[in-house]
C-alpha atoms as a PDB file:
ATOM      1  CA  MET A   1    -109.834 163.777 -39.264  1.00  0.00           C
ATOM      2  CA  ARG A   2    -107.256 162.128 -37.047  1.00  0.00           C
ATOM      3  CA  SER A   3    -107.199 158.412 -36.430  1.00  0.00           C
ATOM      4  CA  TYR A   4    -105.418 156.676 -33.626  1.00  0.00           C
ATOM      5  CA  ARG A   5    -104.441 153.105 -33.017  1.00  0.00           C
ATOM      6  CA  ILE A   6    -103.787 151.505 -29.698  1.00  0.00           C
ATOM      7  CA  PRO A   7    -100.774 149.206 -30.109  1.00  0.00           C
ATOM      8  CA  LEU A   8    -100.545 145.985 -28.191  1.00  0.00           C
ATOM      9  CA  LEU A   9     -98.593 146.351 -24.988  1.00  0.00           C
ATOM     10  CA  VAL A  10     -95.691 144.003 -24.401  1.00  0.00           C
ATOM     11  CA  ILE A  11     -95.092 144.114 -20.666  1.00  0.00           C
ATOM     12  CA  SER A  12     -93.301 141.591 -18.442  1.00  0.00           C
ATOM     13  CA  SER A  13     -96.006 139.828 -16.321  1.00  0.00           C
ATOM     14  CA  GLN A  14     -99.597 139.014 -17.295  1.00  0.00           C
ATOM     15  CA  GLU A  15    -101.012 140.995 -14.367  1.00  0.00           C
ATOM     16  CA  SER A  16     -98.880 143.982 -15.233  1.00  0.00           C
ATOM     17  CA  LYS A  17     -99.836 143.702 -18.917  1.00  0.00           C
ATOM     18  CA  THR A  18    -103.540 143.675 -18.059  1.00  0.00           C
ATOM     19  CA  THR A  19    -103.172 146.612 -15.665  1.00  0.00           C
ATOM     20  CA  GLY A  20    -101.137 148.578 -18.156  1.00  0.00           C
ATOM     21  CA  GLN A  21    -103.660 147.947 -20.953  1.00  0.00           C
ATOM     22  CA  LYS A  22    -106.574 148.971 -18.731  1.00  0.00           C
ATOM     23  CA  LEU A  23    -104.844 152.234 -17.774  1.00  0.00           C
ATOM     24  CA  TYR A  24    -103.783 152.954 -21.337  1.00  0.00           C
ATOM     25  CA  VAL A  25    -107.330 152.507 -22.624  1.00  0.00           C
ATOM     26  CA  ARG A  26    -108.734 154.749 -19.867  1.00  0.00           C
ATOM     27  CA  LEU A  27    -106.190 157.466 -20.658  1.00  0.00           C
ATOM     28  CA  PHE A  28    -106.796 157.096 -24.346  1.00  0.00           C
ATOM     29  CA  GLN A  29    -110.505 157.723 -23.804  1.00  0.00           C
ATOM     30  CA  ARG A  30    -109.777 161.035 -22.106  1.00  0.00           C
ATOM     31  CA  LYS A  31    -109.101 164.311 -23.830  1.00  0.00           C
ATOM     32  CA  LEU A  32    -105.823 163.969 -25.759  1.00  0.00           C
ATOM     33  CA  SER A  33    -103.781 166.406 -23.715  1.00  0.00           C
ATOM     34  CA  TRP A  34    -101.348 166.482 -20.829  1.00  0.00           C
ATOM     35  CA  ILE A  35    -102.717 165.197 -17.506  1.00  0.00           C
ATOM     36  CA  LYS A  36    -101.139 165.676 -14.086  1.00  0.00           C
ATOM     37  CA  MET A  37    -100.428 162.419 -12.280  1.00  0.00           C
ATOM     38  CA  THR A  38    -102.165 163.874  -9.237  1.00  0.00           C
ATOM     39  CA  LYS A  39    -105.361 163.953 -11.326  1.00  0.00           C
ATOM     40  CA  LEU A  40    -105.270 160.237 -12.098  1.00  0.00           C
ATOM     41  CA  GLU A  41    -107.276 157.985  -9.818  1.00  0.00           C
ATOM     42  CA  TYR A  42    -108.432 154.621 -11.066  1.00  0.00           C
ATOM     43  CA  GLU A  43    -108.843 152.517  -7.978  1.00  0.00           C
ATOM     44  CA  GLU A  44    -110.445 149.732 -10.068  1.00  0.00           C
ATOM     45  CA  ILE A  45    -107.161 149.420 -11.954  1.00  0.00           C
ATOM     46  CA  ALA A  46    -104.621 149.885  -9.130  1.00  0.00           C
ATOM     47  CA  SER A  47    -104.434 151.753  -5.860  1.00  0.00           C
ATOM     48  CA  ASP A  48    -100.959 153.014  -6.849  1.00  0.00           C
ATOM     49  CA  LEU A  49    -100.694 153.847 -10.556  1.00  0.00           C
ATOM     50  CA  THR A  50     -97.063 154.987 -10.367  1.00  0.00           C
ATOM     51  CA  PRO A  51     -95.463 151.640 -11.370  1.00  0.00           C
ATOM     52  CA  VAL A  52     -98.020 151.184 -14.173  1.00  0.00           C
ATOM     53  CA  ILE A  53     -97.370 154.690 -15.462  1.00  0.00           C
ATOM     54  CA  GLU A  54     -93.620 154.103 -15.325  1.00  0.00           C
ATOM     55  CA  GLU A  55     -93.974 150.911 -17.357  1.00  0.00           C
ATOM     56  CA  LEU A  56     -96.144 152.615 -19.961  1.00  0.00           C
ATOM     57  CA  THR A  57     -93.650 155.529 -20.112  1.00  0.00           C
ATOM     58  CA  ASN A  58     -90.659 153.205 -20.462  1.00  0.00           C
ATOM     59  CA  ALA A  59     -92.482 151.318 -23.253  1.00  0.00           C
ATOM     60  CA  GLY A  60     -93.063 154.625 -25.088  1.00  0.00           C
ATOM     61  CA  PHE A  61     -96.846 154.803 -24.639  1.00  0.00           C
ATOM     62  CA  LEU A  62     -96.869 157.832 -22.350  1.00  0.00           C
ATOM     63  CA  GLN A  63     -94.798 161.012 -22.307  1.00  0.00           C
ATOM     64  CA  THR A  64     -93.330 162.805 -19.275  1.00  0.00           C
ATOM     65  CA  GLU A  65     -93.156 166.466 -18.418  1.00  0.00           C
ATOM     66  CA  SER A  66     -89.629 166.566 -19.845  1.00  0.00           C
ATOM     67  CA  GLU A  67     -91.247 166.352 -23.284  1.00  0.00           C
ATOM     68  CA  LEU A  68     -93.454 169.460 -22.803  1.00  0.00           C
ATOM     69  CA  GLN A  69     -92.393 171.963 -25.455  1.00  0.00           C
ATOM     70  CA  GLU A  70     -94.970 174.739 -25.476  1.00  0.00           C
ATOM     71  CA  LEU A  71     -95.372 177.268 -22.664  1.00  0.00           C
ATOM     72  CA  SER A  72     -99.124 177.278 -23.218  1.00  0.00           C
ATOM     73  CA  GLU A  73     -99.221 173.470 -22.478  1.00  0.00           C
ATOM     74  CA  VAL A  74     -97.318 173.993 -19.218  1.00  0.00           C
ATOM     75  CA  LEU A  75     -99.611 176.858 -18.166  1.00  0.00           C
ATOM     76  CA  GLU A  76    -102.738 174.779 -18.939  1.00  0.00           C
ATOM     77  CA  LEU A  77    -101.498 172.141 -16.480  1.00  0.00           C
ATOM     78  CA  LEU A  78    -101.320 174.627 -13.619  1.00  0.00           C
ATOM     79  CA  SER A  79    -104.267 175.027 -11.281  1.00  0.00           C
ATOM     80  CA  ALA A  80    -105.920 178.488 -10.980  1.00  0.00           C
ATOM     81  CA  PRO A  81    -104.174 179.177  -7.593  1.00  0.00           C
ATOM     82  CA  GLU A  82    -100.815 178.167  -9.105  1.00  0.00           C
ATOM     83  CA  LEU A  83    -101.393 180.450 -12.076  1.00  0.00           C
ATOM     84  CA  LYS A  84    -102.381 183.356  -9.825  1.00  0.00           C
ATOM     85  CA  SER A  85     -99.269 182.943  -7.761  1.00  0.00           C
ATOM     86  CA  LEU A  86     -97.134 182.892 -10.909  1.00  0.00           C
ATOM     87  CA  ALA A  87     -98.933 185.967 -12.257  1.00  0.00           C
ATOM     88  CA  LYS A  88     -98.236 187.844  -9.002  1.00  0.00           C
ATOM     89  CA  THR A  89     -94.590 186.812  -9.124  1.00  0.00           C
ATOM     90  CA  PHE A  90     -94.227 188.230 -12.677  1.00  0.00           C
ATOM     91  CA  HIS A  91     -96.378 191.304 -11.839  1.00  0.00           C
ATOM     92  CA  LEU A  92     -98.976 190.679 -14.539  1.00  0.00           C
ATOM     93  CA  VAL A  93    -101.651 193.335 -14.965  1.00  0.00           C
ATOM     94  CA  ASN A  94    -104.527 191.299 -13.466  1.00  0.00           C
ATOM     95  CA  PRO A  95    -103.063 188.442 -11.342  1.00  0.00           C
ATOM     96  CA  ASN A  96    -106.528 187.662  -9.917  1.00  0.00           C
ATOM     97  CA  GLY A  97    -108.151 187.099 -13.331  1.00  0.00           C
ATOM     98  CA  GLN A  98    -109.702 183.892 -14.491  1.00  0.00           C
ATOM     99  CA  LYS A  99    -107.463 180.979 -15.441  1.00  0.00           C
ATOM    100  CA  GLN A 100    -107.849 181.375 -19.214  1.00  0.00           C
ATOM    101  CA  GLN A 101    -107.118 185.112 -18.970  1.00  0.00           C
ATOM    102  CA  LEU A 102    -103.911 184.364 -17.047  1.00  0.00           C
ATOM    103  CA  VAL A 103    -102.844 181.704 -19.572  1.00  0.00           C
ATOM    104  CA  ASP A 104    -103.446 184.146 -22.458  1.00  0.00           C
ATOM    105  CA  ALA A 105    -101.498 186.884 -20.692  1.00  0.00           C
END
């Protein structure tokens, strides 16, 4: 069984610290996997999460796409239409299959 610990965030201003902690906790509560920034919307935390995400990334609490290492992780991030387009480009047998079938191919 895995256990995780949320370290205390040390961020410059109090408002930024609170916002960063709120976002970190929300992300921590989600499935532990890669999440596209376009899928993140927490209006109650901030209307623009970009600076908060950058602070958390710079502090080492979040990873960026440059740290993706497995092809399967990258493919899981793509939407079904993106996967179908990629499958057509590479002439896969069934480019109109379901998302999981395309990832497995």
